[in-house]
N, C-alpha and C. Protein backbone atom coordinates (compact mmCIF):
# COMPACT_ATOMS: atom_id res chain seq x y z
N MET A 1 1.25 -31.85 -6.42
CA MET A 1 1.35 -31.34 -5.69
C MET A 1 2.73 -31.43 -3.80
N SER A 2 3.42 -31.00 -4.29
CA SER A 2 4.49 -30.89 -2.81
C SER A 2 3.82 -31.63 -1.85
N PRO A 3 4.87 -32.08 -0.30
CA PRO A 3 4.68 -32.26 0.88
C PRO A 3 4.82 -30.66 0.90
N TRP A 4 5.57 -29.50 0.59
CA TRP A 4 5.23 -28.48 1.85
C TRP A 4 4.07 -27.94 1.36
N SER A 5 3.55 -27.69 0.04
CA SER A 5 2.35 -26.53 -0.67
C SER A 5 0.54 -27.79 0.39
N LEU A 6 1.30 -28.97 1.22
CA LEU A 6 -0.30 -29.30 2.00
C LEU A 6 0.42 -28.66 3.04
N ILE A 7 1.75 -28.87 3.60
CA ILE A 7 2.11 -27.75 5.03
C ILE A 7 1.30 -26.58 4.93
N ALA A 8 2.08 -25.56 3.55
CA ALA A 8 2.03 -24.25 3.66
C ALA A 8 0.72 -23.61 3.75
N ILE A 9 0.20 -23.87 2.79
CA ILE A 9 -1.77 -23.63 3.01
C ILE A 9 -2.85 -24.14 4.90
N PRO A 10 -2.69 -24.98 4.96
CA PRO A 10 -2.54 -24.28 6.61
C PRO A 10 -2.37 -23.29 7.23
N LEU A 11 -1.24 -23.09 7.01
CA LEU A 11 -0.12 -21.85 8.23
C LEU A 11 -0.77 -21.18 7.57
N CYS A 12 -0.69 -20.93 6.34
CA CYS A 12 -0.66 -19.73 6.11
C CYS A 12 -2.58 -19.14 5.84
N LEU A 13 -3.58 -19.95 6.27
CA LEU A 13 -4.26 -20.08 6.93
C LEU A 13 -4.07 -20.02 8.56
N GLY A 14 -3.31 -20.15 9.06
CA GLY A 14 -3.74 -19.92 10.49
C GLY A 14 -3.03 -18.70 10.67
N VAL A 15 -2.00 -18.47 9.81
CA VAL A 15 -1.24 -17.03 10.14
C VAL A 15 -2.46 -15.67 9.76
N VAL A 16 -3.28 -16.00 8.63
CA VAL A 16 -4.44 -15.15 8.48
C VAL A 16 -5.14 -15.18 9.67
N VAL A 17 -5.70 -15.67 10.39
CA VAL A 17 -6.87 -16.17 10.79
C VAL A 17 -5.59 -15.40 12.57
N ALA A 18 -4.48 -15.52 12.81
CA ALA A 18 -3.96 -15.14 13.49
C ALA A 18 -3.58 -13.36 13.81
N LEU A 19 -3.72 -12.84 13.03
CA LEU A 19 -3.55 -11.46 11.87
C LEU A 19 -5.02 -10.51 12.37
N LEU A 20 -5.75 -11.44 11.63
CA LEU A 20 -7.17 -10.81 11.92
C LEU A 20 -7.58 -11.13 13.72
N TRP A 21 -7.39 -11.77 13.97
CA TRP A 21 -7.82 -11.10 15.74
C TRP A 21 -7.54 -10.71 16.50
N GLY A 22 -6.12 -10.70 15.82
CA GLY A 22 -5.11 -9.95 16.72
C GLY A 22 -5.47 -8.09 16.49
N VAL A 23 -6.14 -8.07 15.40
CA VAL A 23 -5.94 -6.78 15.60
C VAL A 23 -7.61 -6.58 15.32
N SER A 24 -8.02 -7.08 15.75
CA SER A 24 -9.86 -7.24 16.36
C SER A 24 -9.36 -6.87 18.26
N TRP A 25 -8.78 -7.26 18.30
CA TRP A 25 -8.74 -7.52 19.59
C TRP A 25 -7.96 -6.25 19.43
N TYR A 26 -6.89 -5.34 19.39
CA TYR A 26 -6.57 -4.40 19.58
C TYR A 26 -6.67 -3.70 19.29
N GLU A 27 -7.86 -3.11 18.56
CA GLU A 27 -9.25 -2.80 18.21
C GLU A 27 -9.80 -2.17 19.27
N GLU A 28 -10.35 -3.87 19.23
CA GLU A 28 -11.43 -3.71 21.35
C GLU A 28 -10.41 -3.34 22.02
N ARG A 29 -9.37 -3.68 23.03
CA ARG A 29 -9.01 -2.88 23.72
C ARG A 29 -8.01 -1.95 23.84
N VAL A 30 -7.83 -1.25 22.76
CA VAL A 30 -6.37 -0.09 22.68
C VAL A 30 -6.96 1.06 22.03
N LEU A 31 -7.80 0.64 21.13
CA LEU A 31 -8.95 1.77 19.96
C LEU A 31 -9.81 2.27 20.16
N SER A 32 -10.72 1.70 20.89
CA SER A 32 -11.93 2.08 21.05
C SER A 32 -12.63 2.91 22.06
N ALA A 33 -13.41 3.92 22.32
CA ALA A 33 -13.46 5.05 22.31
C ALA A 33 -13.39 4.87 23.98
N ARG A 34 -14.21 3.72 24.81
CA ARG A 34 -14.22 3.48 25.91
C ARG A 34 -13.08 2.98 26.69
N SER A 35 -11.94 2.46 25.17
CA SER A 35 -10.66 3.01 26.08
C SER A 35 -10.07 4.07 26.27
N LEU A 36 -10.07 4.76 25.92
CA LEU A 36 -9.42 6.23 25.53
C LEU A 36 -9.93 6.65 26.76
N ILE A 37 -11.12 6.63 26.83
CA ILE A 37 -11.63 7.70 27.83
C ILE A 37 -10.93 6.92 29.11
N LEU A 38 -11.16 5.21 29.61
CA LEU A 38 -10.30 5.57 30.30
C LEU A 38 -9.54 5.50 30.87
N TYR A 39 -8.51 5.81 29.77
CA TYR A 39 -6.45 5.79 29.82
C TYR A 39 -6.36 7.68 29.65
N THR A 40 -7.09 8.10 29.51
CA THR A 40 -7.12 9.69 29.97
C THR A 40 -7.59 9.88 31.27
N ALA A 41 -8.89 9.41 31.43
CA ALA A 41 -9.15 9.17 33.12
C ALA A 41 -8.21 9.32 33.97
N ARG A 42 -7.39 8.01 33.53
CA ARG A 42 -6.38 8.16 34.48
C ARG A 42 -4.77 7.88 34.39
N SER A 43 -4.85 8.90 33.06
CA SER A 43 -3.55 9.38 33.39
C SER A 43 -3.58 10.74 34.16
N ARG A 44 -2.83 11.34 34.57
CA ARG A 44 -1.77 11.84 35.89
C ARG A 44 -1.22 13.44 35.05
N HIS A 45 -0.95 13.45 34.14
CA HIS A 45 -0.71 14.25 33.22
C HIS A 45 -1.80 15.21 32.23
N VAL A 46 -2.54 14.93 31.91
CA VAL A 46 -3.34 15.95 31.97
C VAL A 46 -4.56 16.39 32.62
N GLY A 47 -5.09 17.83 32.69
CA GLY A 47 -5.29 18.53 33.92
C GLY A 47 -6.95 18.27 33.60
N PRO A 48 -7.41 17.78 34.74
CA PRO A 48 -9.24 17.59 35.24
C PRO A 48 -10.18 18.75 33.78
N ASP A 49 -9.98 19.76 33.01
CA ASP A 49 -10.53 19.99 32.67
C ASP A 49 -10.76 19.73 31.07
N THR A 50 -9.43 19.49 30.95
CA THR A 50 -9.15 18.63 29.30
C THR A 50 -9.47 17.31 29.68
N VAL A 51 -9.60 15.97 30.76
CA VAL A 51 -10.05 14.83 30.59
C VAL A 51 -11.65 15.68 30.76
N GLU A 52 -12.08 16.33 30.81
CA GLU A 52 -13.49 16.21 31.22
C GLU A 52 -14.58 16.98 29.44
N LEU A 53 -13.78 17.27 28.75
CA LEU A 53 -13.63 18.13 27.45
C LEU A 53 -13.44 16.46 26.79
N PHE A 54 -12.68 15.97 27.28
CA PHE A 54 -12.49 14.64 26.41
C PHE A 54 -13.24 13.68 26.24
N ILE A 55 -13.66 12.95 27.94
CA ILE A 55 -14.60 12.74 27.54
C ILE A 55 -16.40 12.72 27.08
N ALA A 56 -16.32 13.75 27.95
CA ALA A 56 -17.46 14.59 26.68
C ALA A 56 -17.95 14.17 25.63
N THR A 57 -17.12 14.31 24.42
CA THR A 57 -16.85 14.47 23.18
C THR A 57 -16.97 13.12 22.65
N GLN A 58 -16.45 12.28 24.18
CA GLN A 58 -16.55 10.65 22.81
C GLN A 58 -17.42 10.19 23.96
N SER A 59 -18.30 10.71 24.83
CA SER A 59 -19.20 10.20 25.04
C SER A 59 -20.38 9.84 24.54
N GLU A 60 -20.37 11.46 23.84
CA GLU A 60 -21.03 12.03 23.31
C GLU A 60 -21.45 11.69 21.92
N GLY A 61 -19.95 10.86 21.15
CA GLY A 61 -20.51 9.66 19.96
C GLY A 61 -20.40 8.68 20.43
N LEU A 62 -20.61 8.70 21.43
CA LEU A 62 -21.01 6.31 22.40
C LEU A 62 -22.74 6.06 22.14
N LEU A 63 -23.02 7.46 22.77
CA LEU A 63 -24.67 7.96 23.30
C LEU A 63 -25.43 8.30 21.52
N LYS A 64 -24.75 8.38 20.73
CA LYS A 64 -25.09 8.48 19.16
C LYS A 64 -25.59 6.97 18.39
N ASP A 65 -24.20 6.45 18.54
CA ASP A 65 -23.91 4.99 17.99
C ASP A 65 -24.89 4.29 19.20
N PHE A 66 -25.13 4.58 20.25
CA PHE A 66 -25.75 3.79 20.67
C PHE A 66 -27.27 3.83 20.64
N GLY A 67 -27.85 5.06 20.29
CA GLY A 67 -29.60 4.94 19.53
C GLY A 67 -29.39 4.57 18.33
N LYS A 68 -28.15 4.23 17.77
CA LYS A 68 -28.64 3.79 16.44
C LYS A 68 -28.18 2.38 16.54
N THR A 69 -28.48 1.96 17.24
CA THR A 69 -28.16 0.46 17.21
C THR A 69 -29.40 -0.25 17.80
N PRO A 70 -30.30 -1.48 17.20
CA PRO A 70 -31.56 -1.84 18.26
C PRO A 70 -31.61 -2.37 18.66
């Protein structure tokens, strides 16, 4: 086994772990329903009626998921 193989194995493992951590962070911080609701509520280019409708539909899904968790 060459020395490069011994270096590449932990390096590849580190890259995979970093990629999985990054995707998890992105889903929790950017793509979650909570972050979408906050972004929509803070945006100034969307009217209040649109924001209210969006928050109502997203909150309904969150409440259904909340009821399913033990």
